[in-house]
Protein backbone atom coordinates (compact mmCIF):
# COMPACT_ATOMS: atom_id res chain seq x y z
CA MET A 1 -57.16 2.18 107.73
CA GLN A 2 -55.35 0.83 110.84
CA ARG A 3 -54.64 3.13 113.73
CA VAL A 4 -51.31 2.76 115.99
CA GLN A 5 -51.42 2.88 119.36
CA LYS A 6 -48.63 4.83 121.30
CA LYS A 7 -48.11 5.54 125.08
CA ASN A 8 -48.95 9.28 124.75
CA GLY A 9 -52.00 9.03 122.65
CA THR A 10 -53.20 7.81 119.27
CA PHE A 11 -51.47 8.21 115.74
CA LEU A 12 -53.54 8.12 112.68
CA PHE A 13 -50.45 6.62 110.80
CA SER A 14 -47.82 4.13 111.50
CA MET A 15 -44.09 5.48 110.82
CA LYS A 16 -43.92 3.18 107.97
CA GLN A 17 -47.14 4.65 106.27
CA LEU A 18 -45.82 7.96 106.95
CA LEU A 19 -42.67 6.93 104.91
CA LEU A 20 -44.32 5.17 102.22
CA MET A 21 -46.42 8.53 101.75
CA LEU A 22 -43.11 10.28 101.37
CA LEU A 23 -41.58 7.82 99.03
CA SER A 24 -44.57 8.07 96.74
CA LEU A 25 -44.76 11.56 96.83
CA SER A 26 -40.86 11.59 96.02
CA VAL A 27 -40.85 9.46 92.97
CA PHE A 28 -44.00 11.39 91.57
CA ASP A 29 -41.95 14.52 92.22
CA ALA A 30 -38.95 13.15 90.57
CA PHE A 31 -40.60 11.87 87.40
CA ALA A 32 -42.75 15.03 87.16
CA THR A 33 -39.94 17.45 87.60
CA ASP A 34 -37.63 15.40 85.02
CA PHE A 35 -40.61 15.30 82.65
CA GLY A 36 -41.21 19.17 82.86
CA LEU A 37 -37.38 19.78 82.85
CA ARG A 38 -36.88 17.93 79.72
CA LEU A 39 -39.59 19.34 77.77
CA GLU A 40 -38.73 22.95 79.22
CA LEU A 41 -41.79 23.57 80.81
CA ILE A 42 -40.49 24.30 84.04
CA LYS A 43 -37.03 25.12 85.67
CA GLU A 44 -35.98 23.66 88.85
CA ALA A 45 -36.60 25.88 91.84
CA ASN A 46 -34.08 24.06 94.43
CA PRO A 47 -30.54 25.08 93.25
CA MET A 48 -29.07 22.15 94.95
CA ALA A 49 -31.35 19.74 92.77
CA SER A 50 -30.68 22.04 89.99
CA PHE A 51 -27.09 21.41 90.08
CA VAL A 52 -27.43 17.56 90.46
CA TYR A 53 -30.04 17.25 87.66
CA GLY A 54 -27.23 19.22 85.50
CA SER A 55 -24.75 17.22 86.68
CA SER A 56 -26.37 13.97 86.17
CA ILE A 57 -29.92 12.41 85.99
CA PHE A 58 -29.07 9.33 87.74
CA LEU A 59 -27.86 11.12 90.63
CA PHE A 60 -30.94 13.47 90.39
CA TYR A 61 -33.35 10.40 90.77
CA LEU A 62 -30.78 8.69 93.67
CA MET A 63 -31.34 11.94 95.65
CA LYS A 64 -34.74 12.12 95.22
CA ILE A 65 -35.79 8.73 95.78
CA GLY A 66 -32.73 7.13 97.57
CA PHE A 67 -33.21 9.38 100.42
CA PRO A 68 -36.65 8.51 101.61
CA ILE A 69 -35.87 4.99 100.74
CA SER A 70 -32.81 5.25 103.18
CA LEU A 71 -35.11 6.20 105.84
CA PHE A 72 -36.69 2.69 106.10
CA ALA A 73 -33.57 1.51 107.45
CA LEU A 74 -33.90 4.17 110.02
CA GLU A 75 -37.51 3.60 110.95
CA PRO A 76 -36.86 1.12 113.93
CA ALA A 77 -34.60 3.62 115.57
CA VAL A 78 -36.78 6.98 115.40
CA ASP A 79 -40.23 5.05 115.36
CA ARG A 80 -40.72 6.52 118.96
CA SER A 81 -39.66 9.99 118.51
CA ARG A 82 -42.20 12.77 118.28
CA ILE A 83 -39.92 15.27 116.84
CA VAL A 84 -38.95 12.66 113.97
CA ARG A 85 -42.63 12.10 113.23
CA TRP A 86 -43.49 15.93 113.32
CA LEU A 87 -40.49 16.57 110.84
CA LEU A 88 -41.71 13.75 108.67
CA GLN A 89 -45.12 15.15 108.50
CA PHE A 90 -43.97 18.36 107.70
CA THR A 91 -42.06 17.07 104.90
CA ILE A 92 -44.99 15.18 103.32
CA GLY A 93 -46.93 18.45 103.66
CA LEU A 94 -44.01 20.17 101.80
CA TYR A 95 -44.07 17.33 99.28
CA ALA A 96 -47.78 17.57 98.82
CA VAL A 97 -47.43 21.07 97.91
CA ALA A 98 -44.70 20.55 95.24
CA VAL A 99 -46.89 17.73 93.80
CA GLY A 100 -49.72 20.11 93.57
CA VAL A 101 -47.69 22.57 91.58
CA HIS A 102 -46.72 19.91 89.57
CA ILE A 103 -50.07 18.90 88.75
CA PHE A 104 -51.22 22.72 88.18
CA TRP A 105 -48.71 23.19 85.65
CA MET A 106 -49.36 20.00 84.09
CA MET A 107 -53.15 20.77 83.82
CA LEU A 108 -52.23 24.18 82.40
CA GLN A 109 -49.81 23.01 79.78
CA PHE A 110 -52.05 19.90 78.83
CA SER A 111 -55.75 21.05 78.77
């Protein structure tokens, strides 16, 4: 694992690595949510995502995966921002919890 040196200290992950983590978690979340909703195993907890899913599954995937992909275009501009890095890490933590919930219901359903 490559460490990234910054003026005010050392970061464990580069901004690009954080964005890749977010994208990976988002892709898993999108597919797991779609799978669970199609089989009527779960209900979407996010009202906005539920509305979008009900309107168009394509738009649901675009929202879930497109937004994290779009952050790659902003990466050079926000790479040095500590608040953006913190918000990104916080978002990754939330997605990790959501992925954990998906894994939990899948284990309950298919074991």
